Amino acid sequence: MDNYRLKNLSDDELKRKINQLRALIWAAVGLIIALEVFLLATGRSNVLLVVLLFPLTPFILRSNKYYREYRKRKGEL
C-alpha cells in the first residue's frame, strides 16, 4: 500500500489491518513451529524453519509500516 492510501485510512481501518497482519504472521509462525516439532519428532531435517520464515518478511515489514503510521497518529513518534 502506498503512503497516500496509508495516510487516508481511518484509525480503525489502520488498527484492523495491523491486527489482521499480526494474526496472519502468528498463525504462520505457529504452523512453522508445529511442522518443525513434527520433523524433529520423526527425525527429519530441521532446515524447514529457516526456509519458511523468509516468505513472511514482506508481511512483517508491512505490519511495521502500518504500526509506525499508527504511532505517528497517536503522537508517540
PDB file of N, CA and C in Angstrom:
ATOM      1  N   MET A   1       0.853  -1.162   0.000  1.00  0.00           N
ATOM      2  CA  MET A   1       0.000   0.000   0.000  1.00  0.00           C
ATOM      3  C   MET A   1       0.904   1.231   0.000  1.00  0.00           C
ATOM      4  N   ASP A   2       0.607   2.162  -0.900  1.00  0.00           N
ATOM      5  CA  ASP A   2       1.438   3.359  -0.969  1.00  0.00           C
ATOM      6  C   ASP A   2       1.126   4.301   0.190  1.00  0.00           C
ATOM      7  N   ASN A   3       1.998   5.272   0.381  1.00  0.00           N
ATOM      8  CA  ASN A   3       1.867   6.180   1.527  1.00  0.00           C
ATOM      9  C   ASN A   3       0.602   7.020   1.463  1.00  0.00           C
ATOM     10  N   TYR A   4       0.170   7.390   0.246  1.00  0.00           N
ATOM     11  CA  TYR A   4      -1.042   8.202   0.109  1.00  0.00           C
ATOM     12  C   TYR A   4      -2.258   7.444   0.640  1.00  0.00           C
ATOM     13  N   ARG A   5      -2.399   6.189   0.220  1.00  0.00           N
ATOM     14  CA  ARG A   5      -3.538   5.385   0.685  1.00  0.00           C
ATOM     15  C   ARG A   5      -3.426   5.083   2.171  1.00  0.00           C
ATOM     16  N   LEU A   6      -2.211   4.892   2.640  1.00  0.00           N
ATOM     17  CA  LEU A   6      -1.998   4.605   4.057  1.00  0.00           C
ATOM     18  C   LEU A   6      -2.425   5.783   4.923  1.00  0.00           C
ATOM     19  N   LYS A   7      -2.092   6.985   4.498  1.00  0.00           N
ATOM     20  CA  LYS A   7      -2.444   8.172   5.275  1.00  0.00           C
ATOM     21  C   LYS A   7      -3.945   8.452   5.247  1.00  0.00           C
ATOM     22  N   ASN A   8      -4.650   7.950   4.224  1.00  0.00           N
ATOM     23  CA  ASN A   8      -6.089   8.180   4.117  1.00  0.00           C
ATOM     24  C   ASN A   8      -6.923   7.136   4.854  1.00  0.00           C
ATOM     25  N   LEU A   9      -6.291   6.131   5.427  1.00  0.00           N
ATOM     26  CA  LEU A   9      -7.033   5.144   6.211  1.00  0.00           C
ATOM     27  C   LEU A   9      -7.451   5.769   7.538  1.00  0.00           C
ATOM     28  N   SER A  10      -8.638   5.406   7.986  1.00  0.00           N
ATOM     29  CA  SER A  10      -9.047   5.869   9.315  1.00  0.00           C
ATOM     30  C   SER A  10      -8.258   5.091  10.369  1.00  0.00           C
ATOM     31  N   ASP A  11      -8.286   5.586  11.593  1.00  0.00           N
ATOM     32  CA  ASP A  11      -7.568   4.906  12.676  1.00  0.00           C
ATOM     33  C   ASP A  11      -8.087   3.485  12.875  1.00  0.00           C
ATOM     34  N   ASP A  12      -9.407   3.302  12.777  1.00  0.00           N
ATOM     35  CA  ASP A  12      -9.981   1.965  12.961  1.00  0.00           C
ATOM     36  C   ASP A  12      -9.553   1.016  11.846  1.00  0.00           C
ATOM     37  N   GLU A  13      -9.535   1.512  10.603  1.00  0.00           N
ATOM     38  CA  GLU A  13      -9.100   0.666   9.491  1.00  0.00           C
ATOM     39  C   GLU A  13      -7.625   0.297   9.632  1.00  0.00           C
ATOM     40  N   LEU A  14      -6.834   1.257  10.067  1.00  0.00           N
ATOM     41  CA  LEU A  14      -5.409   1.000  10.258  1.00  0.00           C
ATOM     42  C   LEU A  14      -5.188  -0.035  11.360  1.00  0.00           C
ATOM     43  N   LYS A  15      -5.910   0.097  12.466  1.00  0.00           N
ATOM     44  CA  LYS A  15      -5.804  -0.889  13.551  1.00  0.00           C
ATOM     45  C   LYS A  15      -6.235  -2.269  13.083  1.00  0.00           C
ATOM     46  N   ARG A  16      -7.311  -2.324  12.273  1.00  0.00           N
ATOM     47  CA  ARG A  16      -7.800  -3.599  11.768  1.00  0.00           C
ATOM     48  C   ARG A  16      -6.753  -4.251  10.873  1.00  0.00           C
ATOM     49  N   LYS A  17      -6.121  -3.478  10.007  1.00  0.00           N
ATOM     50  CA  LYS A  17      -5.079  -4.030   9.134  1.00  0.00           C
ATOM     51  C   LYS A  17      -3.881  -4.526   9.948  1.00  0.00           C
ATOM     52  N   ILE A  18      -3.500  -3.759  10.970  1.00  0.00           N
ATOM     53  CA  ILE A  18      -2.396  -4.186  11.839  1.00  0.00           C
ATOM     54  C   ILE A  18      -2.744  -5.514  12.506  1.00  0.00           C
ATOM     55  N   ASN A  19      -3.947  -5.617  13.049  1.00  0.00           N
ATOM     56  CA  ASN A  19      -4.355  -6.847  13.733  1.00  0.00           C
ATOM     57  C   ASN A  19      -4.462  -8.020  12.772  1.00  0.00           C
ATOM     58  N   GLN A  20      -4.942  -7.783  11.542  1.00  0.00           N
ATOM     59  CA  GLN A  20      -5.017  -8.859  10.556  1.00  0.00           C
ATOM     60  C   GLN A  20      -3.627  -9.381  10.210  1.00  0.00           C
ATOM     61  N   LEU A  21      -2.693  -8.459   9.993  1.00  0.00           N
ATOM     62  CA  LEU A  21      -1.334  -8.888   9.662  1.00  0.00           C
ATOM     63  C   LEU A  21      -0.672  -9.614  10.828  1.00  0.00           C
ATOM     64  N   ARG A  22      -0.883  -9.129  12.038  1.00  0.00           N
ATOM     65  CA  ARG A  22      -0.313  -9.816  13.205  1.00  0.00           C
ATOM     66  C   ARG A  22      -0.888 -11.216  13.344  1.00  0.00           C
ATOM     67  N   ALA A  23      -2.193 -11.362  13.128  1.00  0.00           N
ATOM     68  CA  ALA A  23      -2.813 -12.685  13.214  1.00  0.00           C
ATOM     69  C   ALA A  23      -2.247 -13.609  12.141  1.00  0.00           C
ATOM     70  N   LEU A  24      -2.074 -13.086  10.928  1.00  0.00           N
ATOM     71  CA  LEU A  24      -1.512 -13.883   9.845  1.00  0.00           C
ATOM     72  C   LEU A  24      -0.083 -14.314  10.167  1.00  0.00           C
ATOM     73  N   ILE A  25       0.707 -13.384  10.660  1.00  0.00           N
ATOM     74  CA  ILE A  25       2.107 -13.695  10.985  1.00  0.00           C
ATOM     75  C   ILE A  25       2.187 -14.736  12.093  1.00  0.00           C
ATOM     76  N   TRP A  26       1.415 -14.554  13.169  1.00  0.00           N
ATOM     77  CA  TRP A  26       1.474 -15.507  14.281  1.00  0.00           C
ATOM     78  C   TRP A  26       0.920 -16.874  13.896  1.00  0.00           C
ATOM     79  N   ALA A  27      -0.100 -16.903  13.042  1.00  0.00           N
ATOM     80  CA  ALA A  27      -0.621 -18.190  12.575  1.00  0.00           C
ATOM     81  C   ALA A  27       0.437 -18.920  11.747  1.00  0.00           C
ATOM     82  N   ALA A  28       1.119 -18.186  10.885  1.00  0.00           N
ATOM     83  CA  ALA A  28       2.164 -18.800  10.067  1.00  0.00           C
ATOM     84  C   ALA A  28       3.329 -19.279  10.930  1.00  0.00           C
ATOM     85  N   VAL A  29       3.724 -18.480  11.907  1.00  0.00           N
ATOM     86  CA  VAL A  29       4.813 -18.891  12.805  1.00  0.00           C
ATOM     87  C   VAL A  29       4.400 -20.128  13.601  1.00  0.00           C
ATOM     88  N   GLY A  30       3.164 -20.159  14.067  1.00  0.00           N
ATOM     89  CA  GLY A  30       2.671 -21.336  14.787  1.00  0.00           C
ATOM     90  C   GLY A  30       2.689 -22.580  13.925  1.00  0.00           C
ATOM     91  N   LEU A  31       2.291 -22.429  12.671  1.00  0.00           N
ATOM     92  CA  LEU A  31       2.314 -23.560  11.747  1.00  0.00           C
ATOM     93  C   LEU A  31       3.746 -24.029  11.488  1.00  0.00           C
ATOM     94  N   ILE A  32       4.646 -23.091  11.322  1.00  0.00           N
ATOM     95  CA  ILE A  32       6.052 -23.447  11.099  1.00  0.00           C
ATOM     96  C   ILE A  32       6.625 -24.173  12.315  1.00  0.00           C
ATOM     97  N   ILE A  33       6.306 -23.694  13.502  1.00  0.00           N
ATOM     98  CA  ILE A  33       6.791 -24.364  14.721  1.00  0.00           C
ATOM     99  C   ILE A  33       6.204 -25.764  14.835  1.00  0.00           C
ATOM    100  N   ALA A  34       4.923 -25.917  14.515  1.00  0.00           N
ATOM    101  CA  ALA A  34       4.301 -27.242  14.561  1.00  0.00           C
ATOM    102  C   ALA A  34       4.968 -28.184  13.556  1.00  0.00           C
ATOM    103  N   LEU A  35       5.247 -27.683  12.363  1.00  0.00           N
ATOM    104  CA  LEU A  35       5.939 -28.509  11.376  1.00  0.00           C
ATOM    105  C   LEU A  35       7.347 -28.866  11.845  1.00  0.00           C
ATOM    106  N   GLU A  36       8.002 -27.909  12.463  1.00  0.00           N
ATOM    107  CA  GLU A  36       9.354 -28.153  12.969  1.00  0.00           C
ATOM    108  C   GLU A  36       9.349 -29.231  14.056  1.00  0.00           C
ATOM    109  N   VAL A  37       8.398 -29.156  14.961  1.00  0.00           N
ATOM    110  CA  VAL A  37       8.280 -30.165  16.022  1.00  0.00           C
ATOM    111  C   VAL A  37       8.002 -31.530  15.413  1.00  0.00           C
ATOM    112  N   PHE A  38       7.123 -31.563  14.407  1.00  0.00           N
ATOM    113  CA  PHE A  38       6.825 -32.829  13.735  1.00  0.00           C
ATOM    114  C   PHE A  38       8.081 -33.399  13.078  1.00  0.00           C
ATOM    115  N   LEU A  39       8.822 -32.541  12.388  1.00  0.00           N
ATOM    116  CA  LEU A  39      10.034 -33.020  11.720  1.00  0.00           C
ATOM    117  C   LEU A  39      11.089 -33.486  12.714  1.00  0.00           C
ATOM    118  N   LEU A  40      11.219 -32.778  13.820  1.00  0.00           N
ATOM    119  CA  LEU A  40      12.177 -33.211  14.835  1.00  0.00           C
ATOM    120  C   LEU A  40      11.737 -34.525  15.477  1.00  0.00           C
ATOM    121  N   ALA A  41      10.431 -34.693  15.673  1.00  0.00           N
ATOM    122  CA  ALA A  41       9.925 -35.921  16.285  1.00  0.00           C
ATOM    123  C   ALA A  41      10.115 -37.122  15.365  1.00  0.00           C
ATOM    124  N   THR A  42      10.064 -36.895  14.065  1.00  0.00           N
ATOM    125  CA  THR A  42      10.228 -38.003  13.127  1.00  0.00           C
ATOM    126  C   THR A  42      11.675 -38.175  12.675  1.00  0.00           C
ATOM    127  N   GLY A  43      12.576 -37.319  13.186  1.00  0.00           N
ATOM    128  CA  GLY A  43      13.991 -37.478  12.878  1.00  0.00           C
ATOM    129  C   GLY A  43      14.412 -36.915  11.536  1.00  0.00           C
ATOM    130  N   ARG A  44      13.612 -36.041  10.949  1.00  0.00           N
ATOM    131  CA  ARG A  44      13.977 -35.445   9.659  1.00  0.00           C
ATOM    132  C   ARG A  44      14.740 -34.146   9.886  1.00  0.00           C
ATOM    133  N   SER A  45      15.178 -33.563   8.790  1.00  0.00           N
ATOM    134  CA  SER A  45      15.973 -32.331   8.850  1.00  0.00           C
ATOM    135  C   SER A  45      15.139 -31.176   9.394  1.00  0.00           C
ATOM    136  N   ASN A  46      15.797 -30.233  10.063  1.00  0.00           N
ATOM    137  CA  ASN A  46      15.090 -29.086  10.621  1.00  0.00           C
ATOM    138  C   ASN A  46      15.416 -27.793   9.873  1.00  0.00           C
ATOM    139  N   VAL A  47      15.803 -27.896   8.612  1.00  0.00           N
ATOM    140  CA  VAL A  47      16.097 -26.728   7.776  1.00  0.00           C
ATOM    141  C   VAL A  47      14.800 -26.020   7.394  1.00  0.00           C
ATOM    142  N   LEU A  48      13.688 -26.693   7.511  1.00  0.00           N
ATOM    143  CA  LEU A  48      12.397 -26.154   7.088  1.00  0.00           C
ATOM    144  C   LEU A  48      12.068 -24.836   7.772  1.00  0.00           C
ATOM    145  N   LEU A  49      12.419 -24.703   9.023  1.00  0.00           N
ATOM    146  CA  LEU A  49      12.102 -23.486   9.776  1.00  0.00           C
ATOM    147  C   LEU A  49      12.693 -22.247   9.113  1.00  0.00           C
ATOM    148  N   VAL A  50      13.947 -22.281   8.774  1.00  0.00           N
ATOM    149  CA  VAL A  50      14.611 -21.131   8.166  1.00  0.00           C
ATOM    150  C   VAL A  50      14.029 -20.848   6.786  1.00  0.00           C
ATOM    151  N   VAL A  51      13.774 -21.877   6.028  1.00  0.00           N
ATOM    152  CA  VAL A  51      13.255 -21.706   4.669  1.00  0.00           C
ATOM    153  C   VAL A  51      11.861 -21.096   4.684  1.00  0.00           C
ATOM    154  N   LEU A  52      11.026 -21.464   5.632  1.00  0.00           N
ATOM    155  CA  LEU A  52       9.651 -20.966   5.655  1.00  0.00           C
ATOM    156  C   LEU A  52       9.510 -19.582   6.276  1.00  0.00           C
ATOM    157  N   LEU A  53      10.511 -19.109   6.998  1.00  0.00           N
ATOM    158  CA  LEU A  53      10.418 -17.765   7.578  1.00  0.00           C
ATOM    159  C   LEU A  53      10.643 -16.660   6.555  1.00  0.00           C
ATOM    160  N   PHE A  54      11.385 -16.925   5.499  1.00  0.00           N
ATOM    161  CA  PHE A  54      11.670 -15.889   4.515  1.00  0.00           C
ATOM    162  C   PHE A  54      10.422 -15.336   3.824  1.00  0.00           C
ATOM    163  N   PRO A  55       9.434 -16.148   3.450  1.00  0.00           N
ATOM    164  CA  PRO A  55       8.236 -15.568   2.821  1.00  0.00           C
ATOM    165  C   PRO A  55       7.431 -14.664   3.756  1.00  0.00           C
ATOM    166  N   LEU A  56       7.650 -14.745   5.059  1.00  0.00           N
ATOM    167  CA  LEU A  56       6.926 -13.880   5.997  1.00  0.00           C
ATOM    168  C   LEU A  56       7.495 -12.468   6.061  1.00  0.00           C
ATOM    169  N   THR A  57       8.688 -12.260   5.540  1.00  0.00           N
ATOM    170  CA  THR A  57       9.356 -10.962   5.658  1.00  0.00           C
ATOM    171  C   THR A  57       8.522  -9.798   5.126  1.00  0.00           C
ATOM    172  N   PRO A  58       7.896  -9.877   3.940  1.00  0.00           N
ATOM    173  CA  PRO A  58       7.093  -8.736   3.479  1.00  0.00           C
ATOM    174  C   PRO A  58       5.925  -8.412   4.404  1.00  0.00           C
ATOM    175  N   PHE A  59       5.319  -9.433   4.984  1.00  0.00           N
ATOM    176  CA  PHE A  59       4.190  -9.206   5.890  1.00  0.00           C
ATOM    177  C   PHE A  59       4.652  -8.528   7.178  1.00  0.00           C
ATOM    178  N   ILE A  60       5.815  -8.933   7.667  1.00  0.00           N
ATOM    179  CA  ILE A  60       6.361  -8.317   8.882  1.00  0.00           C
ATOM    180  C   ILE A  60       6.721  -6.859   8.617  1.00  0.00           C
ATOM    181  N   LEU A  61       7.342  -6.595   7.474  1.00  0.00           N
ATOM    182  CA  LEU A  61       7.713  -5.221   7.134  1.00  0.00           C
ATOM    183  C   LEU A  61       6.481  -4.341   6.949  1.00  0.00           C
ATOM    184  N   ARG A  62       5.437  -4.880   6.312  1.00  0.00           N
ATOM    185  CA  ARG A  62       4.209  -4.112   6.119  1.00  0.00           C
ATOM    186  C   ARG A  62       3.533  -3.838   7.454  1.00  0.00           C
ATOM    187  N   SER A  63       3.520  -4.822   8.337  1.00  0.00           N
ATOM    188  CA  SER A  63       2.939  -4.627   9.661  1.00  0.00           C
ATOM    189  C   SER A  63       3.687  -3.531  10.415  1.00  0.00           C
ATOM    190  N   ASN A  64       5.017  -3.532  10.313  1.00  0.00           N
ATOM    191  CA  ASN A  64       5.815  -2.489  10.967  1.00  0.00           C
ATOM    192  C   ASN A  64       5.505  -1.114  10.397  1.00  0.00           C
ATOM    193  N   LYS A  65       5.299  -1.035   9.085  1.00  0.00           N
ATOM    194  CA  LYS A  65       4.974   0.241   8.437  1.00  0.00           C
ATOM    195  C   LYS A  65       3.627   0.760   8.933  1.00  0.00           C
ATOM    196  N   TYR A  66       2.632  -0.113   9.009  1.00  0.00           N
ATOM    197  CA  TYR A  66       1.303   0.289   9.493  1.00  0.00           C
ATOM    198  C   TYR A  66       1.378   0.732  10.949  1.00  0.00           C
ATOM    199  N   TYR A  67       2.124  -0.022  11.757  1.00  0.00           N
ATOM    200  CA  TYR A  67       2.212   0.302  13.180  1.00  0.00           C
ATOM    201  C   TYR A  67       2.937   1.628  13.395  1.00  0.00           C
ATOM    202  N   ARG A  68       3.962   1.890  12.597  1.00  0.00           N
ATOM    203  CA  ARG A  68       4.682   3.158  12.684  1.00  0.00           C
ATOM    204  C   ARG A  68       3.744   4.326  12.351  1.00  0.00           C
ATOM    205  N   GLU A  69       2.907   4.169  11.317  1.00  0.00           N
ATOM    206  CA  GLU A  69       1.935   5.209  10.960  1.00  0.00           C
ATOM    207  C   GLU A  69       0.920   5.403  12.085  1.00  0.00           C
ATOM    208  N   TYR A  70       0.477   4.301  12.683  1.00  0.00           N
ATOM    209  CA  TYR A  70      -0.490   4.381  13.785  1.00  0.00           C
ATOM    210  C   TYR A  70       0.108   5.143  14.968  1.00  0.00           C
ATOM    211  N   ARG A  71       1.374   4.855  15.292  1.00  0.00           N
ATOM    212  CA  ARG A  71       2.034   5.549  16.409  1.00  0.00           C
ATOM    213  C   ARG A  71       2.250   7.025  16.104  1.00  0.00           C
ATOM    214  N   LYS A  72       2.520   7.367  14.841  1.00  0.00           N
ATOM    215  CA  LYS A  72       2.652   8.777  14.461  1.00  0.00           C
ATOM    216  C   LYS A  72       1.342   9.514  14.710  1.00  0.00           C
ATOM    217  N   ARG A  73       0.239   8.865  14.357  1.00  0.00           N
ATOM    218  CA  ARG A  73      -1.068   9.497  14.542  1.00  0.00           C
ATOM    219  C   ARG A  73      -1.395   9.692  16.013  1.00  0.00           C
ATOM    220  N   LYS A  74      -0.925   8.794  16.839  1.00  0.00           N
ATOM    221  CA  LYS A  74      -1.194   8.889  18.274  1.00  0.00           C
ATOM    222  C   LYS A  74      -0.200   9.800  18.988  1.00  0.00           C
ATOM    223  N   GLY A  75       0.783  10.313  18.260  1.00  0.00           N
ATOM    224  CA  GLY A  75       1.753  11.234  18.838  1.00  0.00           C
ATOM    225  C   GLY A  75       2.871  10.567  19.603  1.00  0.00           C
ATOM    226  N   GLU A  76       3.060   9.270  19.403  1.00  0.00           N
ATOM    227  CA  GLU A  76       4.118   8.557  20.113  1.00  0.00           C
ATOM    228  C   GLU A  76       5.461   8.662  19.396  1.00  0.00           C
ATOM    229  N   LEU A  77       5.436   9.005  18.116  1.00  0.00           N
ATOM    230  CA  LEU A  77       6.695   9.132  17.353  1.00  0.00           C
ATOM    231  C   LEU A  77       6.915  10.568  16.947  1.00  0.00           C
TER     232      LEU A  77
END
